[in-house]
Amino acid sequence: MKEHLIANMTWPEAEQSIKEARAVILPLGSTEQHGYHMAVGTDTVVSDYVCLELAARTNCVVLPTLPYGQVWSAKGFPATISLHQSTFIQIVKDIVVSLEQQGARNIILFSGHYGNMQPSRDAARELMDEYGYRNVWYLGYMNVEKYNAALMQTQLWNKKTFHAAELETSIMLHISPEKVRMEKAVREEPEVPAGLDLRPIHWKEFSQSGLFGNAALATEEKGKQYLEWWLNDLTQIVTQNIG
């Protein structure tokens, strides 16, 4: 089986793979609370899995996952580690510059943590402004509302949030069930605080468990189907747009 993970290669193997691959994928995870029932490394696990599956389908190679991200919203929960946005952006930029110097054809910033999406876009914009790089792409969760409605029994909290709830728990039940304690899964659907989308409010101020929905309804089958649809979408984007 072809090796896609750069960390498992020798440097001569990595040198060749970086130059020949369609793209080098940088998975971006987080260390963050995921309710009472899921591991704090959930986003990193998801990033690892999706990026390796995507690489196998699209002739890409994958860097080790960055296990820290921008997690401002979940500050206050134990074991949540948040990088300042400028720190996150600079780390991503340094990695991209290193890859560009080694002849990477394209670089994909893949965010398995929703909070990394905006700073990833900002990093790509800064890289273009400062270095002229036009081969840096940013991907992550997509069609969440559509697929959640098709598969899940619960709606997205505040029409967009699925953190540690039915969808994300289902994904983890398929990828890494040993990191899910379903006997501890709860339902929590807090009222949306006034002005949540207009001013900064930490989740800890209005959520006890740190999840938003009904994690107890999650199943491995739902997660498997969501991942297949997600990977099909990602594969189509990569093969049609990134050469």
C-alpha atoms as a PDB file:
ATOM      1  CA  MET A   1       0.000   0.000   0.000  1.00  0.00           C
ATOM      2  CA  LYS A   2       1.351   3.425  -0.913  1.00  0.00           C
ATOM      3  CA  GLU A   3       2.517   5.563   1.995  1.00  0.00           C
ATOM      4  CA  HIS A   4       0.796   8.934   2.273  1.00  0.00           C
ATOM      5  CA  LEU A   5       1.958  10.100   5.699  1.00  0.00           C
ATOM      6  CA  ILE A   6       5.170  12.119   5.482  1.00  0.00           C
ATOM      7  CA  ALA A   7       6.047  11.329   9.105  1.00  0.00           C
ATOM      8  CA  ASN A   8       6.527   7.666   8.124  1.00  0.00           C
ATOM      9  CA  MET A   9       8.912   8.463   5.253  1.00  0.00           C
ATOM     10  CA  THR A  10      12.665   8.929   5.183  1.00  0.00           C
ATOM     11  CA  TRP A  11      13.791  12.362   4.030  1.00  0.00           C
ATOM     12  CA  PRO A  12      14.707  11.193   0.494  1.00  0.00           C
ATOM     13  CA  GLU A  13      11.271   9.561   0.196  1.00  0.00           C
ATOM     14  CA  ALA A  14       9.603  12.697   1.542  1.00  0.00           C
ATOM     15  CA  GLU A  15      11.591  14.913  -0.829  1.00  0.00           C
ATOM     16  CA  GLN A  16      10.303  13.011  -3.835  1.00  0.00           C
ATOM     17  CA  SER A  17       6.743  12.726  -2.516  1.00  0.00           C
ATOM     18  CA  ILE A  18       6.435  16.435  -1.739  1.00  0.00           C
ATOM     19  CA  LYS A  19       7.455  17.347  -5.288  1.00  0.00           C
ATOM     20  CA  GLU A  20       5.353  14.703  -7.044  1.00  0.00           C
ATOM     21  CA  ALA A  21       2.129  14.787  -5.018  1.00  0.00           C
ATOM     22  CA  ARG A  22      -0.878  16.698  -6.264  1.00  0.00           C
ATOM     23  CA  ALA A  23      -0.772  18.540  -2.930  1.00  0.00           C
ATOM     24  CA  VAL A  24       0.679  18.394   0.543  1.00  0.00           C
ATOM     25  CA  ILE A  25      -2.105  18.425   3.132  1.00  0.00           C
ATOM     26  CA  LEU A  26      -1.605  20.070   6.526  1.00  0.00           C
ATOM     27  CA  PRO A  27      -4.294  18.746   8.918  1.00  0.00           C
ATOM     28  CA  LEU A  28      -5.336  21.299  11.533  1.00  0.00           C
ATOM     29  CA  GLY A  29      -6.866  19.977  14.736  1.00  0.00           C
ATOM     30  CA  SER A  30      -7.335  21.200  18.284  1.00  0.00           C
ATOM     31  CA  THR A  31      -7.067  20.216  21.926  1.00  0.00           C
ATOM     32  CA  GLU A  32     -10.487  21.159  23.228  1.00  0.00           C
ATOM     33  CA  GLN A  33     -13.350  19.954  25.413  1.00  0.00           C
ATOM     34  CA  HIS A  34     -15.896  17.791  23.636  1.00  0.00           C
ATOM     35  CA  GLY A  35     -18.521  17.286  26.300  1.00  0.00           C
ATOM     36  CA  TYR A  36     -18.461  14.653  29.022  1.00  0.00           C
ATOM     37  CA  HIS A  37     -18.206  11.789  26.556  1.00  0.00           C
ATOM     38  CA  MET A  38     -15.498  12.498  23.959  1.00  0.00           C
ATOM     39  CA  ALA A  39     -11.750  12.946  24.078  1.00  0.00           C
ATOM     40  CA  VAL A  40     -10.223  16.432  23.948  1.00  0.00           C
ATOM     41  CA  GLY A  41      -8.257  15.364  20.872  1.00  0.00           C
ATOM     42  CA  THR A  42     -11.410  14.713  18.831  1.00  0.00           C
ATOM     43  CA  ASP A  43     -10.750  17.361  16.158  1.00  0.00           C
ATOM     44  CA  THR A  44      -7.204  16.106  15.706  1.00  0.00           C
ATOM     45  CA  VAL A  45      -8.431  12.521  15.286  1.00  0.00           C
ATOM     46  CA  VAL A  46     -10.978  13.624  12.684  1.00  0.00           C
ATOM     47  CA  SER A  47      -8.360  15.656  10.804  1.00  0.00           C
ATOM     48  CA  ASP A  48      -5.946  12.699  10.765  1.00  0.00           C
ATOM     49  CA  TYR A  49      -8.565  10.345   9.391  1.00  0.00           C
ATOM     50  CA  VAL A  50     -10.119  12.581   6.754  1.00  0.00           C
ATOM     51  CA  CYS A  51      -6.785  13.825   5.411  1.00  0.00           C
ATOM     52  CA  LEU A  52      -5.335  10.343   5.004  1.00  0.00           C
ATOM     53  CA  GLU A  53      -8.498   9.106   3.294  1.00  0.00           C
ATOM     54  CA  LEU A  54      -8.509  12.146   1.018  1.00  0.00           C
ATOM     55  CA  ALA A  55      -4.818  11.708   0.198  1.00  0.00           C
ATOM     56  CA  ALA A  56      -5.362   8.104  -0.836  1.00  0.00           C
ATOM     57  CA  ARG A  57      -8.145   9.169  -3.219  1.00  0.00           C
ATOM     58  CA  THR A  58      -6.336  12.150  -4.759  1.00  0.00           C
ATOM     59  CA  ASN A  59      -2.594  11.354  -4.849  1.00  0.00           C
ATOM     60  CA  CYS A  60      -1.682  13.735  -2.035  1.00  0.00           C
ATOM     61  CA  VAL A  61       0.614  13.394   0.968  1.00  0.00           C
ATOM     62  CA  VAL A  62      -0.126  14.385   4.551  1.00  0.00           C
ATOM     63  CA  LEU A  63       1.920  16.186   7.197  1.00  0.00           C
ATOM     64  CA  PRO A  64       1.600  15.414  10.920  1.00  0.00           C
ATOM     65  CA  THR A  65      -1.503  17.084  12.323  1.00  0.00           C
ATOM     66  CA  LEU A  66      -1.162  20.333  14.246  1.00  0.00           C
ATOM     67  CA  PRO A  67      -2.945  19.417  17.505  1.00  0.00           C
ATOM     68  CA  TYR A  68      -3.568  22.994  18.685  1.00  0.00           C
ATOM     69  CA  GLY A  69      -5.803  25.634  17.188  1.00  0.00           C
ATOM     70  CA  GLN A  70      -7.822  28.769  17.767  1.00  0.00           C
ATOM     71  CA  VAL A  71     -10.337  27.718  20.437  1.00  0.00           C
ATOM     72  CA  TRP A  72     -11.451  31.020  21.942  1.00  0.00           C
ATOM     73  CA  SER A  73     -15.081  29.972  22.407  1.00  0.00           C
ATOM     74  CA  ALA A  74     -14.277  26.992  24.628  1.00  0.00           C
ATOM     75  CA  LYS A  75     -11.864  28.804  26.936  1.00  0.00           C
ATOM     76  CA  GLY A  76     -12.596  28.072  30.569  1.00  0.00           C
ATOM     77  CA  PHE A  77     -13.115  24.330  30.121  1.00  0.00           C
ATOM     78  CA  PRO A  78     -10.247  22.239  31.536  1.00  0.00           C
ATOM     79  CA  ALA A  79      -7.794  20.788  28.967  1.00  0.00           C
ATOM     80  CA  THR A  80      -8.843  23.275  26.303  1.00  0.00           C
ATOM     81  CA  ILE A  81      -5.717  24.856  24.843  1.00  0.00           C
ATOM     82  CA  SER A  82      -6.155  27.873  22.569  1.00  0.00           C
ATOM     83  CA  LEU A  83      -3.531  29.520  20.405  1.00  0.00           C
ATOM     84  CA  HIS A  84      -3.793  33.241  19.815  1.00  0.00           C
ATOM     85  CA  GLN A  85      -5.051  33.732  16.278  1.00  0.00           C
ATOM     86  CA  SER A  86      -1.855  35.509  15.225  1.00  0.00           C
ATOM     87  CA  THR A  87       0.227  32.639  16.642  1.00  0.00           C
ATOM     88  CA  PHE A  88      -1.808  30.068  14.734  1.00  0.00           C
ATOM     89  CA  ILE A  89      -1.517  32.048  11.511  1.00  0.00           C
ATOM     90  CA  GLN A  90       2.248  32.425  11.890  1.00  0.00           C
ATOM     91  CA  ILE A  91       2.743  28.701  12.533  1.00  0.00           C
ATOM     92  CA  VAL A  92       0.743  27.845   9.417  1.00  0.00           C
ATOM     93  CA  LYS A  93       2.648  30.387   7.352  1.00  0.00           C
ATOM     94  CA  ASP A  94       6.019  29.056   8.505  1.00  0.00           C
ATOM     95  CA  ILE A  95       5.024  25.520   7.526  1.00  0.00           C
ATOM     96  CA  VAL A  96       3.781  26.643   4.113  1.00  0.00           C
ATOM     97  CA  VAL A  97       6.956  28.609   3.393  1.00  0.00           C
ATOM     98  CA  SER A  98       9.025  25.516   4.229  1.00  0.00           C
ATOM     99  CA  LEU A  99       6.945  23.415   1.839  1.00  0.00           C
ATOM    100  CA  GLU A 100       7.130  26.008  -0.929  1.00  0.00           C
ATOM    101  CA  GLN A 101      10.923  26.022  -0.624  1.00  0.00           C
ATOM    102  CA  GLN A 102      10.887  22.242  -1.052  1.00  0.00           C
ATOM    103  CA  GLY A 103       8.927  22.356  -4.293  1.00  0.00           C
ATOM    104  CA  ALA A 104       5.385  21.487  -3.197  1.00  0.00           C
ATOM    105  CA  ARG A 105       2.964  21.898  -6.112  1.00  0.00           C
ATOM    106  CA  ASN A 106       0.039  22.792  -3.860  1.00  0.00           C
ATOM    107  CA  ILE A 107      -0.634  23.019  -0.131  1.00  0.00           C
ATOM    108  CA  ILE A 108      -4.033  22.278   1.419  1.00  0.00           C
ATOM    109  CA  LEU A 109      -4.834  23.638   4.876  1.00  0.00           C
ATOM    110  CA  PHE A 110      -7.437  21.203   6.153  1.00  0.00           C
ATOM    111  CA  SER A 111      -9.396  22.211   9.252  1.00  0.00           C
ATOM    112  CA  GLY A 112     -11.029  19.459  11.277  1.00  0.00           C
ATOM    113  CA  HIS A 113     -11.810  22.139  13.865  1.00  0.00           C
ATOM    114  CA  TYR A 114     -14.302  24.782  12.835  1.00  0.00           C
ATOM    115  CA  GLY A 115     -12.483  27.538  14.724  1.00  0.00           C
ATOM    116  CA  ASN A 116      -9.444  27.113  12.465  1.00  0.00           C
ATOM    117  CA  MET A 117     -11.297  27.944   9.267  1.00  0.00           C
ATOM    118  CA  GLN A 118     -11.133  31.742   9.388  1.00  0.00           C
ATOM    119  CA  PRO A 119      -7.482  31.951  10.497  1.00  0.00           C
ATOM    120  CA  SER A 120      -6.599  29.435   7.763  1.00  0.00           C
ATOM    121  CA  ARG A 121      -8.150  31.730   5.176  1.00  0.00           C
ATOM    122  CA  ASP A 122      -6.316  34.674   6.706  1.00  0.00           C
ATOM    123  CA  ALA A 123      -3.016  32.775   6.573  1.00  0.00           C
ATOM    124  CA  ALA A 124      -3.532  31.949   2.886  1.00  0.00           C
ATOM    125  CA  ARG A 125      -4.329  35.583   2.116  1.00  0.00           C
ATOM    126  CA  GLU A 126      -1.239  36.798   3.936  1.00  0.00           C
ATOM    127  CA  LEU A 127       0.914  34.244   2.115  1.00  0.00           C
ATOM    128  CA  MET A 128      -0.357  35.528  -1.213  1.00  0.00           C
ATOM    129  CA  ASP A 129       0.177  39.163  -0.234  1.00  0.00           C
ATOM    130  CA  GLU A 130       3.652  38.589   1.192  1.00  0.00           C
ATOM    131  CA  TYR A 131       5.049  35.887  -1.087  1.00  0.00           C
ATOM    132  CA  GLY A 132       2.725  35.726  -4.075  1.00  0.00           C
ATOM    133  CA  TYR A 133       1.685  32.128  -3.302  1.00  0.00           C
ATOM    134  CA  ARG A 134      -1.458  31.214  -5.213  1.00  0.00           C
ATOM    135  CA  ASN A 135      -1.288  27.484  -4.544  1.00  0.00           C
ATOM    136  CA  VAL A 136      -2.500  27.479  -0.928  1.00  0.00           C
ATOM    137  CA  TRP A 137      -6.006  26.086  -0.461  1.00  0.00           C
ATOM    138  CA  TYR A 138      -8.229  25.823   2.613  1.00  0.00           C
ATOM    139  CA  LEU A 139     -10.787  23.073   3.153  1.00  0.00           C
ATOM    140  CA  GLY A 140     -12.796  21.712   6.063  1.00  0.00           C
ATOM    141  CA  TYR A 141     -16.349  20.790   6.990  1.00  0.00           C
ATOM    142  CA  MET A 142     -18.848  21.367   4.189  1.00  0.00           C
ATOM    143  CA  ASN A 143     -22.548  20.862   3.509  1.00  0.00           C
ATOM    144  CA  VAL A 144     -23.038  20.337   7.237  1.00  0.00           C
ATOM    145  CA  GLU A 145     -26.577  21.722   7.330  1.00  0.00           C
ATOM    146  CA  LYS A 146     -27.664  19.654   4.316  1.00  0.00           C
ATOM    147  CA  TYR A 147     -26.190  16.361   5.513  1.00  0.00           C
ATOM    148  CA  ASN A 148     -27.194  16.894   9.125  1.00  0.00           C
ATOM    149  CA  ALA A 149     -30.810  17.330   8.008  1.00  0.00           C
ATOM    150  CA  ALA A 150     -30.607  14.150   5.923  1.00  0.00           C
ATOM    151  CA  LEU A 151     -29.033  11.927   8.581  1.00  0.00           C
ATOM    152  CA  MET A 152     -29.510  13.256  12.089  1.00  0.00           C
ATOM    153  CA  GLN A 153     -32.516  13.427  14.371  1.00  0.00           C
ATOM    154  CA  THR A 154     -31.515  16.769  15.865  1.00  0.00           C
ATOM    155  CA  GLN A 155     -31.085  20.139  14.210  1.00  0.00           C
ATOM    156  CA  LEU A 156     -27.892  22.183  14.378  1.00  0.00           C
ATOM    157  CA  TRP A 157     -27.809  24.378  17.465  1.00  0.00           C
ATOM    158  CA  ASN A 158     -28.228  28.038  16.510  1.00  0.00           C
ATOM    159  CA  LYS A 159     -28.570  26.734  12.909  1.00  0.00           C
ATOM    160  CA  LYS A 160     -24.816  26.073  12.630  1.00  0.00           C
ATOM    161  CA  THR A 161     -23.212  24.481  15.695  1.00  0.00           C
ATOM    162  CA  PHE A 162     -22.669  20.710  15.962  1.00  0.00           C
ATOM    163  CA  HIS A 163     -19.933  20.686  18.581  1.00  0.00           C
ATOM    164  CA  ALA A 164     -19.799  17.323  20.426  1.00  0.00           C
ATOM    165  CA  ALA A 165     -23.440  16.647  19.503  1.00  0.00           C
ATOM    166  CA  GLU A 166     -25.127  13.968  17.388  1.00  0.00           C
ATOM    167  CA  LEU A 167     -23.177  14.617  14.169  1.00  0.00           C
ATOM    168  CA  GLU A 168     -19.666  14.902  15.574  1.00  0.00           C
ATOM    169  CA  THR A 169     -20.216  12.033  17.999  1.00  0.00           C
ATOM    170  CA  SER A 170     -21.423   9.828  15.134  1.00  0.00           C
ATOM    171  CA  ILE A 171     -18.283  10.667  13.164  1.00  0.00           C
ATOM    172  CA  MET A 172     -16.081   9.644  16.092  1.00  0.00           C
ATOM    173  CA  LEU A 173     -18.058   6.445  16.664  1.00  0.00           C
ATOM    174  CA  HIS A 174     -17.023   5.400  13.163  1.00  0.00           C
ATOM    175  CA  ILE A 175     -13.430   6.659  13.223  1.00  0.00           C
ATOM    176  CA  SER A 176     -12.340   5.951  16.797  1.00  0.00           C
ATOM    177  CA  PRO A 177     -15.083   4.477  19.006  1.00  0.00           C
ATOM    178  CA  GLU A 178     -12.628   3.761  21.834  1.00  0.00           C
ATOM    179  CA  LYS A 179     -12.399   7.529  22.394  1.00  0.00           C
ATOM    180  CA  VAL A 180     -16.172   7.878  22.919  1.00  0.00           C
ATOM    181  CA  ARG A 181     -17.922   7.115  26.233  1.00  0.00           C
ATOM    182  CA  MET A 182     -21.532   6.854  25.114  1.00  0.00           C
ATOM    183  CA  GLU A 183     -22.692   6.094  28.650  1.00  0.00           C
ATOM    184  CA  LYS A 184     -21.689   9.681  29.486  1.00  0.00           C
ATOM    185  CA  ALA A 185     -23.354  11.279  26.457  1.00  0.00           C
ATOM    186  CA  VAL A 186     -26.008  13.850  27.372  1.00  0.00           C
ATOM    187  CA  ARG A 187     -28.423  16.242  25.768  1.00  0.00           C
ATOM    188  CA  GLU A 188     -27.852  19.943  26.226  1.00  0.00           C
ATOM    189  CA  GLU A 189     -29.484  22.553  24.048  1.00  0.00           C
ATOM    190  CA  PRO A 190     -28.957  25.862  25.857  1.00  0.00           C
ATOM    191  CA  GLU A 191     -30.847  28.979  24.942  1.00  0.00           C
ATOM    192  CA  VAL A 192     -28.947  31.103  22.462  1.00  0.00           C
ATOM    193  CA  PRO A 193     -27.612  34.056  24.467  1.00  0.00           C
ATOM    194  CA  ALA A 194     -28.729  37.462  23.294  1.00  0.00           C
ATOM    195  CA  GLY A 195     -26.124  38.986  21.033  1.00  0.00           C
ATOM    196  CA  LEU A 196     -24.102  35.778  20.615  1.00  0.00           C
ATOM    197  CA  ASP A 197     -23.277  36.615  16.999  1.00  0.00           C
ATOM    198  CA  LEU A 198     -22.670  40.280  17.794  1.00  0.00           C
ATOM    199  CA  ARG A 199     -20.258  40.195  20.724  1.00  0.00           C
ATOM    200  CA  PRO A 200     -17.772  37.756  22.309  1.00  0.00           C
ATOM    201  CA  ILE A 201     -19.286  35.270  24.759  1.00  0.00           C
ATOM    202  CA  HIS A 202     -17.478  32.197  26.069  1.00  0.00           C
ATOM    203  CA  TRP A 203     -19.397  28.915  25.908  1.00  0.00           C
ATOM    204  CA  LYS A 204     -18.677  28.346  29.589  1.00  0.00           C
ATOM    205  CA  GLU A 205     -21.062  31.202  30.397  1.00  0.00           C
ATOM    206  CA  PHE A 206     -24.115  29.315  29.135  1.00  0.00           C
ATOM    207  CA  SER A 207     -23.169  25.639  28.646  1.00  0.00           C
ATOM    208  CA  GLN A 208     -22.495  23.178  31.452  1.00  0.00           C
ATOM    209  CA  SER A 209     -21.329  20.148  29.473  1.00  0.00           C
ATOM    210  CA  GLY A 210     -19.821  21.932  26.479  1.00  0.00           C
ATOM    211  CA  LEU A 211     -21.963  20.196  23.855  1.00  0.00           C
ATOM    212  CA  PHE A 212     -24.815  21.582  21.792  1.00  0.00           C
ATOM    213  CA  GLY A 213     -27.469  19.025  20.909  1.00  0.00           C
ATOM    214  CA  ASN A 214     -28.230  15.411  21.794  1.00  0.00           C
ATOM    215  CA  ALA A 215     -25.091  13.276  21.707  1.00  0.00           C
ATOM    216  CA  ALA A 216     -27.026  10.240  22.946  1.00  0.00           C
ATOM    217  CA  LEU A 217     -28.668   9.862  19.522  1.00  0.00           C
ATOM    218  CA  ALA A 218     -25.352   9.354  17.725  1.00  0.00           C
ATOM    219  CA  THR A 219     -24.614   6.101  15.883  1.00  0.00           C
ATOM    220  CA  GLU A 220     -21.668   4.693  13.986  1.00  0.00           C
ATOM    221  CA  GLU A 221     -23.820   4.212  10.881  1.00  0.00           C
ATOM    222  CA  LYS A 222     -24.697   7.917  10.722  1.00  0.00           C
ATOM    223  CA  GLY A 223     -21.043   8.823  11.067  1.00  0.00           C
ATOM    224  CA  LYS A 224     -19.982   6.413   8.338  1.00  0.00           C
ATOM    225  CA  GLN A 225     -22.495   7.859   5.875  1.00  0.00           C
ATOM    226  CA  TYR A 226     -21.642  11.464   6.703  1.00  0.00           C
ATOM    227  CA  LEU A 227     -17.934  10.770   6.232  1.00  0.00           C
ATOM    228  CA  GLU A 228     -18.520   9.133   2.871  1.00  0.00           C
ATOM    229  CA  TRP A 229     -20.529  12.105   1.596  1.00  0.00           C
ATOM    230  CA  TRP A 230     -17.956  14.524   3.017  1.00  0.00           C
ATOM    231  CA  LEU A 231     -15.041  12.676   1.451  1.00  0.00           C
ATOM    232  CA  ASN A 232     -16.842  12.489  -1.889  1.00  0.00           C
ATOM    233  CA  ASP A 233     -17.304  16.273  -1.817  1.00  0.00           C
ATOM    234  CA  LEU A 234     -13.676  16.871  -0.856  1.00  0.00           C
ATOM    235  CA  THR A 235     -12.394  14.475  -3.506  1.00  0.00           C
ATOM    236  CA  GLN A 236     -14.407  16.225  -6.177  1.00  0.00           C
ATOM    237  CA  ILE A 237     -13.087  19.628  -5.139  1.00  0.00           C
ATOM    238  CA  VAL A 238      -9.462  18.468  -5.100  1.00  0.00           C
ATOM    239  CA  THR A 239      -9.556  16.550  -8.377  1.00  0.00           C
ATOM    240  CA  GLN A 240     -11.424  19.297 -10.244  1.00  0.00           C
ATOM    241  CA  ASN A 241      -9.554  22.309  -8.908  1.00  0.00           C
ATOM    242  CA  ILE A 242      -6.111  21.346  -7.647  1.00  0.00           C
ATOM    243  CA  GLY A 243      -3.656  19.988 -10.206  1.00  0.00           C
END
